[in-house]
Amino acid sequence: MSTTEATVVTVRIPTPLRSATDGQSTVEVEGTTVDDALRALVDEYPDLADNLYNEDDELRQFVNVYVDDEDVRFGDGVNTKLESGSEISIVPSIAGG
């Protein structure tokens, strides 16, 4: 038995991306930062990679990420630390006109 407890978080999957997660609206992953958690998500569901990351392997500009309703862009970005039980929401920007 491990002496360190894994940081398990819930990632809320937006409707347009659920086809890549077998229709699941939430997925539990491990990660101590937003980047760790999103990478774990993509490891589990590789079809999400192109939707989340650009050709430079950086989070796409139009992908907004929230941790417990706080926009990570106004904090530490993908380096935002997570606690077990945190909830990450992926919110794609919608362009219109």
Protein backbone atom coordinates (compact mmCIF):
# COMPACT_ATOMS: atom_id res chain seq x y z
CA MET A 1 0.00 0.00 0.00
CA SER A 2 1.33 3.41 -0.97
CA THR A 3 1.96 6.02 1.70
CA THR A 4 1.07 8.87 -0.64
CA GLU A 5 -2.52 9.39 -1.62
CA ALA A 6 -3.27 10.03 -5.28
CA THR A 7 -4.84 13.34 -6.22
CA VAL A 8 -8.05 12.31 -7.96
CA VAL A 9 -10.06 15.01 -9.70
CA THR A 10 -13.19 15.07 -11.83
CA VAL A 11 -13.06 16.54 -15.32
CA ARG A 12 -16.37 17.76 -16.75
CA ILE A 13 -16.50 17.04 -20.48
CA PRO A 14 -18.46 19.48 -22.66
CA THR A 15 -21.12 18.00 -24.92
CA PRO A 16 -19.18 18.54 -28.20
CA LEU A 17 -16.25 16.46 -26.87
CA ARG A 18 -18.21 13.59 -25.30
CA SER A 19 -17.94 11.45 -28.42
CA ALA A 20 -14.22 11.17 -27.57
CA THR A 21 -14.99 9.96 -24.02
CA ASP A 22 -17.50 7.28 -24.96
CA GLY A 23 -20.34 9.67 -24.11
CA GLN A 24 -19.22 10.32 -20.55
CA SER A 25 -19.97 13.76 -19.13
CA THR A 26 -17.41 13.41 -16.35
CA VAL A 27 -14.16 11.48 -16.09
CA GLU A 28 -11.99 10.93 -13.02
CA VAL A 29 -8.24 11.27 -13.49
CA GLU A 30 -5.18 11.73 -11.30
CA GLY A 31 -3.10 14.88 -11.35
CA THR A 32 -1.49 17.40 -9.02
CA THR A 33 -1.82 20.24 -11.55
CA VAL A 34 -4.29 21.08 -14.29
CA ASP A 35 -1.67 20.08 -16.86
CA ASP A 36 -1.15 16.68 -15.19
CA ALA A 37 -4.89 16.04 -15.12
CA LEU A 38 -5.48 17.08 -18.73
CA ARG A 39 -2.52 14.96 -19.90
CA ALA A 40 -3.94 11.99 -17.98
CA LEU A 41 -7.31 12.63 -19.64
CA VAL A 42 -5.71 12.64 -23.10
CA ASP A 43 -3.75 9.48 -22.23
CA GLU A 44 -7.04 7.77 -21.44
CA TYR A 45 -8.94 9.33 -24.36
CA PRO A 46 -6.41 10.12 -27.13
CA ASP A 47 -9.11 11.49 -29.46
CA LEU A 48 -9.29 14.56 -27.21
CA ALA A 49 -5.70 15.59 -27.96
CA ASP A 50 -6.44 17.55 -31.15
CA ASN A 51 -9.34 19.33 -29.48
CA LEU A 52 -7.31 20.40 -26.45
CA TYR A 53 -3.74 20.88 -27.71
CA ASN A 54 -2.24 22.70 -30.68
CA GLU A 55 0.65 21.57 -32.89
CA ASP A 56 3.11 22.98 -30.31
CA ASP A 57 1.54 20.72 -27.64
CA GLU A 58 0.13 23.72 -25.78
CA LEU A 59 -3.45 24.12 -24.64
CA ARG A 60 -5.46 25.64 -27.45
CA GLN A 61 -6.31 29.32 -27.06
CA PHE A 62 -10.06 28.72 -27.41
CA VAL A 63 -10.14 26.11 -24.63
CA ASN A 64 -11.08 27.65 -21.29
CA VAL A 65 -10.35 25.66 -18.16
CA TYR A 66 -11.93 26.21 -14.76
CA VAL A 67 -11.04 24.60 -11.44
CA ASP A 68 -13.92 24.71 -9.00
CA ASP A 69 -15.49 27.57 -11.01
CA GLU A 70 -12.25 29.64 -11.08
CA ASP A 71 -10.78 30.45 -14.51
CA VAL A 72 -7.17 29.19 -14.45
CA ARG A 73 -6.11 31.97 -16.86
CA PHE A 74 -6.38 34.41 -13.97
CA GLY A 75 -4.18 32.26 -11.75
CA ASP A 76 -1.37 29.85 -12.53
CA GLY A 77 -2.84 28.57 -15.81
CA VAL A 78 -2.15 24.90 -16.48
CA ASN A 79 0.21 24.92 -13.49
CA THR A 80 -2.74 25.49 -11.14
CA LYS A 81 -2.42 23.05 -8.23
CA LEU A 82 -5.21 20.58 -7.61
CA GLU A 83 -6.56 18.91 -4.50
CA SER A 84 -8.37 15.59 -4.40
CA GLY A 85 -12.01 16.23 -5.15
CA SER A 86 -11.36 19.29 -7.30
CA GLU A 87 -13.51 19.66 -10.38
CA ILE A 88 -12.07 20.76 -13.70
CA SER A 89 -14.43 22.12 -16.33
CA ILE A 90 -13.38 22.32 -19.97
CA VAL A 91 -15.32 25.08 -21.70
CA PRO A 92 -14.65 25.59 -25.42
CA SER A 93 -15.14 29.16 -26.62
CA ILE A 94 -18.02 29.56 -29.01
CA ALA A 95 -17.44 31.90 -31.92
CA GLY A 96 -20.39 33.51 -33.52
CA GLY A 97 -21.30 36.32 -35.75
